[in-house]
C-alpha atoms as a PDB file:
ATOM      1  CA  UNK A   1     105.375 142.020 133.735  1.00  0.00           C
ATOM      2  CA  UNK A   2     102.168 141.063 131.884  1.00  0.00           C
ATOM      3  CA  UNK A   3     104.118 138.843 128.968  1.00  0.00           C
ATOM      4  CA  UNK A   4     105.848 137.439 131.768  1.00  0.00           C
ATOM      5  CA  UNK A   5     102.534 136.294 133.189  1.00  0.00           C
ATOM      6  CA  UNK A   6     100.968 134.794 129.893  1.00  0.00           C
ATOM      7  CA  UNK A   7     103.919 132.796 128.763  1.00  0.00           C
ATOM      8  CA  UNK A   8     104.213 131.441 132.540  1.00  0.00           C
ATOM      9  CA  UNK A   9     100.323 130.708 131.807  1.00  0.00           C
ATOM     10  CA  UNK A  10     101.511 129.111 128.736  1.00  0.00           C
ATOM     11  CA  UNK A  11     104.521 126.490 129.975  1.00  0.00           C
ATOM     12  CA  UNK A  12     102.121 125.773 133.166  1.00  0.00           C
ATOM     13  CA  UNK A  13      99.668 124.624 130.608  1.00  0.00           C
ATOM     14  CA  UNK A  14     101.564 123.124 128.128  1.00  0.00           C
ATOM     15  CA  UNK A  15     103.886 120.868 131.107  1.00  0.00           C
ATOM     16  CA  UNK A  16     101.869 117.911 130.134  1.00  0.00           C
ATOM     17  CA  UNK A  17     102.127 117.807 126.460  1.00  0.00           C
ATOM     18  CA  UNK A  18     105.883 118.554 127.360  1.00  0.00           C
ATOM     19  CA  UNK A  19     106.310 115.406 129.742  1.00  0.00           C
ATOM     20  CA  UNK A  20     104.569 112.694 127.139  1.00  0.00           C
ATOM     21  CA  UNK A  21     107.480 111.054 124.967  1.00  0.00           C
ATOM     22  CA  UNK A  22     107.032 111.772 121.312  1.00  0.00           C
ATOM     23  CA  UNK A  23     107.380 108.034 119.364  1.00  0.00           C
ATOM     24  CA  UNK A  24     108.787 108.268 116.135  1.00  0.00           C
ATOM     25  CA  UNK A  25     108.300 105.285 113.495  1.00  0.00           C
ATOM     26  CA  UNK A  26     111.210 104.157 111.513  1.00  0.00           C
ATOM     27  CA  UNK A  27     111.399 103.708 108.425  1.00  0.00           C
ATOM     28  CA  UNK A  28     111.660 100.424 106.753  1.00  0.00           C
ATOM     29  CA  UNK A  29     114.783  99.893 104.745  1.00  0.00           C
ATOM     30  CA  UNK A  30     113.936  99.108 100.993  1.00  0.00           C
ATOM     31  CA  UNK A  31     113.604  95.613  99.878  1.00  0.00           C
ATOM     32  CA  UNK A  32     116.268  93.665  98.286  1.00  0.00           C
ATOM     33  CA  UNK A  33     116.544  90.729  96.202  1.00  0.00           C
ATOM     34  CA  UNK A  34     119.095  88.156  96.130  1.00  0.00           C
ATOM     35  CA  UNK A  35     119.523  87.575  92.990  1.00  0.00           C
ATOM     36  CA  UNK A  36     120.573  91.333  92.089  1.00  0.00           C
ATOM     37  CA  UNK A  37     122.813  92.049  95.116  1.00  0.00           C
ATOM     38  CA  UNK A  38     126.959  91.901  95.559  1.00  0.00           C
ATOM     39  CA  UNK A  39     127.672  90.430  98.755  1.00  0.00           C
ATOM     40  CA  UNK A  40     128.552  93.607 100.183  1.00  0.00           C
ATOM     41  CA  UNK A  41     125.294  94.615  99.212  1.00  0.00           C
ATOM     42  CA  UNK A  42     123.780  91.828 101.130  1.00  0.00           C
ATOM     43  CA  UNK A  43     125.614  92.654 103.778  1.00  0.00           C
ATOM     44  CA  UNK A  44     125.177  95.732 104.258  1.00  0.00           C
ATOM     45  CA  UNK A  45     120.884  95.307 103.507  1.00  0.00           C
ATOM     46  CA  UNK A  46     121.485  92.956 106.681  1.00  0.00           C
ATOM     47  CA  UNK A  47     122.408  95.211 108.976  1.00  0.00           C
ATOM     48  CA  UNK A  48     120.213  97.675 107.552  1.00  0.00           C
ATOM     49  CA  UNK A  49     117.398  95.364 108.740  1.00  0.00           C
ATOM     50  CA  UNK A  50     118.889  94.544 112.107  1.00  0.00           C
ATOM     51  CA  UNK A  51     119.075  98.779 112.420  1.00  0.00           C
ATOM     52  CA  UNK A  52     115.563  98.758 111.512  1.00  0.00           C
ATOM     53  CA  UNK A  53     114.115  95.975 114.056  1.00  0.00           C
ATOM     54  CA  UNK A  54     115.942  97.598 116.959  1.00  0.00           C
ATOM     55  CA  UNK A  55     114.601 100.925 116.183  1.00  0.00           C
ATOM     56  CA  UNK A  56     111.480  99.096 115.308  1.00  0.00           C
ATOM     57  CA  UNK A  57     111.409  97.875 118.573  1.00  0.00           C
ATOM     58  CA  UNK A  58     112.423 101.255 120.684  1.00  0.00           C
ATOM     59  CA  UNK A  59     109.145 102.692 118.492  1.00  0.00           C
ATOM     60  CA  UNK A  60     107.141  99.948 120.123  1.00  0.00           C
ATOM     61  CA  UNK A  61     108.483 100.384 123.507  1.00  0.00           C
ATOM     62  CA  UNK A  62     107.997 104.449 123.691  1.00  0.00           C
ATOM     63  CA  UNK A  63     104.726 103.164 122.142  1.00  0.00           C
ATOM     64  CA  UNK A  64     103.765 101.253 125.461  1.00  0.00           C
ATOM     65  CA  UNK A  65     105.594 104.189 127.658  1.00  0.00           C
ATOM     66  CA  UNK A  66     102.887 106.845 126.027  1.00  0.00           C
ATOM     67  CA  UNK A  67      99.854 104.053 126.731  1.00  0.00           C
ATOM     68  CA  UNK A  68     100.714 103.657 130.306  1.00  0.00           C
ATOM     69  CA  UNK A  69     101.717 107.423 131.264  1.00  0.00           C
ATOM     70  CA  UNK A  70      97.766 107.942 129.284  1.00  0.00           C
ATOM     71  CA  UNK A  71      96.397 105.623 131.527  1.00  0.00           C
ATOM     72  CA  UNK A  72      98.200 106.452 134.852  1.00  0.00           C
ATOM     73  CA  UNK A  73      96.880 110.429 133.975  1.00  0.00           C
ATOM     74  CA  UNK A  74      93.466 108.764 133.001  1.00  0.00           C
ATOM     75  CA  UNK A  75      93.338 107.498 137.006  1.00  0.00           C
ATOM     76  CA  UNK A  76      94.880 110.412 138.467  1.00  0.00           C
ATOM     77  CA  UNK A  77      92.090 112.445 137.045  1.00  0.00           C
ATOM     78  CA  UNK A  78      89.693 110.128 137.586  1.00  0.00           C
ATOM     79  CA  UNK A  79      88.031 109.195 134.472  1.00  0.00           C
ATOM     80  CA  UNK A  80      88.610 105.624 132.032  1.00  0.00           C
ATOM     81  CA  UNK A  81      91.547 105.753 129.155  1.00  0.00           C
ATOM     82  CA  UNK A  82      89.857 107.031 126.221  1.00  0.00           C
ATOM     83  CA  UNK A  83      89.068 103.473 124.268  1.00  0.00           C
ATOM     84  CA  UNK A  84      90.103 105.379 121.049  1.00  0.00           C
ATOM     85  CA  UNK A  85      93.449 105.790 122.516  1.00  0.00           C
ATOM     86  CA  UNK A  86      94.351 102.396 123.621  1.00  0.00           C
ATOM     87  CA  UNK A  87      93.094 101.071 119.914  1.00  0.00           C
ATOM     88  CA  UNK A  88      95.299 103.418 117.804  1.00  0.00           C
ATOM     89  CA  UNK A  89      98.322 102.630 119.756  1.00  0.00           C
ATOM     90  CA  UNK A  90      97.546  98.857 119.925  1.00  0.00           C
ATOM     91  CA  UNK A  91      96.932  99.489 115.845  1.00  0.00           C
ATOM     92  CA  UNK A  92     100.307 101.058 115.209  1.00  0.00           C
ATOM     93  CA  UNK A  93     102.050  98.818 117.612  1.00  0.00           C
ATOM     94  CA  UNK A  94     101.153  95.728 115.383  1.00  0.00           C
ATOM     95  CA  UNK A  95     101.596  97.486 112.032  1.00  0.00           C
ATOM     96  CA  UNK A  96     105.486  98.324 113.389  1.00  0.00           C
ATOM     97  CA  UNK A  97     105.456  94.260 113.987  1.00  0.00           C
ATOM     98  CA  UNK A  98     104.185  93.257 111.151  1.00  0.00           C
ATOM     99  CA  UNK A  99     106.649  95.958 108.929  1.00  0.00           C
ATOM    100  CA  UNK A 100     109.243  94.319 111.582  1.00  0.00           C
ATOM    101  CA  UNK A 101     108.460  90.661 110.029  1.00  0.00           C
ATOM    102  CA  UNK A 102     108.245  91.362 106.261  1.00  0.00           C
ATOM    103  CA  UNK A 103     111.377  93.306 106.354  1.00  0.00           C
ATOM    104  CA  UNK A 104     113.002  89.957 108.350  1.00  0.00           C
ATOM    105  CA  UNK A 105     111.289  87.484 105.501  1.00  0.00           C
ATOM    106  CA  UNK A 106     112.591  89.768 102.894  1.00  0.00           C
ATOM    107  CA  UNK A 107     116.269  89.585 103.732  1.00  0.00           C
ATOM    108  CA  UNK A 108     116.017  86.106 104.424  1.00  0.00           C
ATOM    109  CA  UNK A 109     114.180  85.532 101.155  1.00  0.00           C
ATOM    110  CA  UNK A 110     117.167  87.613  99.564  1.00  0.00           C
ATOM    111  CA  UNK A 111     120.122  85.606 102.180  1.00  0.00           C
ATOM    112  CA  UNK A 112     118.751  82.383 100.353  1.00  0.00           C
ATOM    113  CA  UNK A 113     118.642  83.136  97.092  1.00  0.00           C
ATOM    114  CA  UNK A 114     121.505  84.353  97.072  1.00  0.00           C
ATOM    115  CA  UNK A 115     123.046  81.753  98.876  1.00  0.00           C
ATOM    116  CA  UNK A 116     121.359  79.445  95.902  1.00  0.00           C
ATOM    117  CA  UNK A 117     122.925  81.422  93.466  1.00  0.00           C
ATOM    118  CA  UNK A 118     126.465  81.441  94.745  1.00  0.00           C
ATOM    119  CA  UNK A 119     127.351  78.461  96.613  1.00  0.00           C
ATOM    120  CA  UNK A 120     130.605  79.117  97.539  1.00  0.00           C
END
């Protein structure tokens, strides 16, 4: 009986944490060089880049949801949102967007280089 009460208390205390989403940042694909790849490798790299960008958008959306949930919880509890939490989320979103831009630029550069090296 005593252990059941302890378990119930732990579940009640942990429920807000269980309700929060865990946002997992995707790993960017390895950069490629248009002069050192085959057509198949370039197509695979382009596919990897598209997959990364899709996953990165999901990650950013998750972070937005976390921030909105924290704002709602802070309002419900009657206190302001921790500015450090908001700054942290915004920094992670900006870093994710920069990673997307870098991956996109790298693949586009590789594609241009490949096309110049293989005109047909």
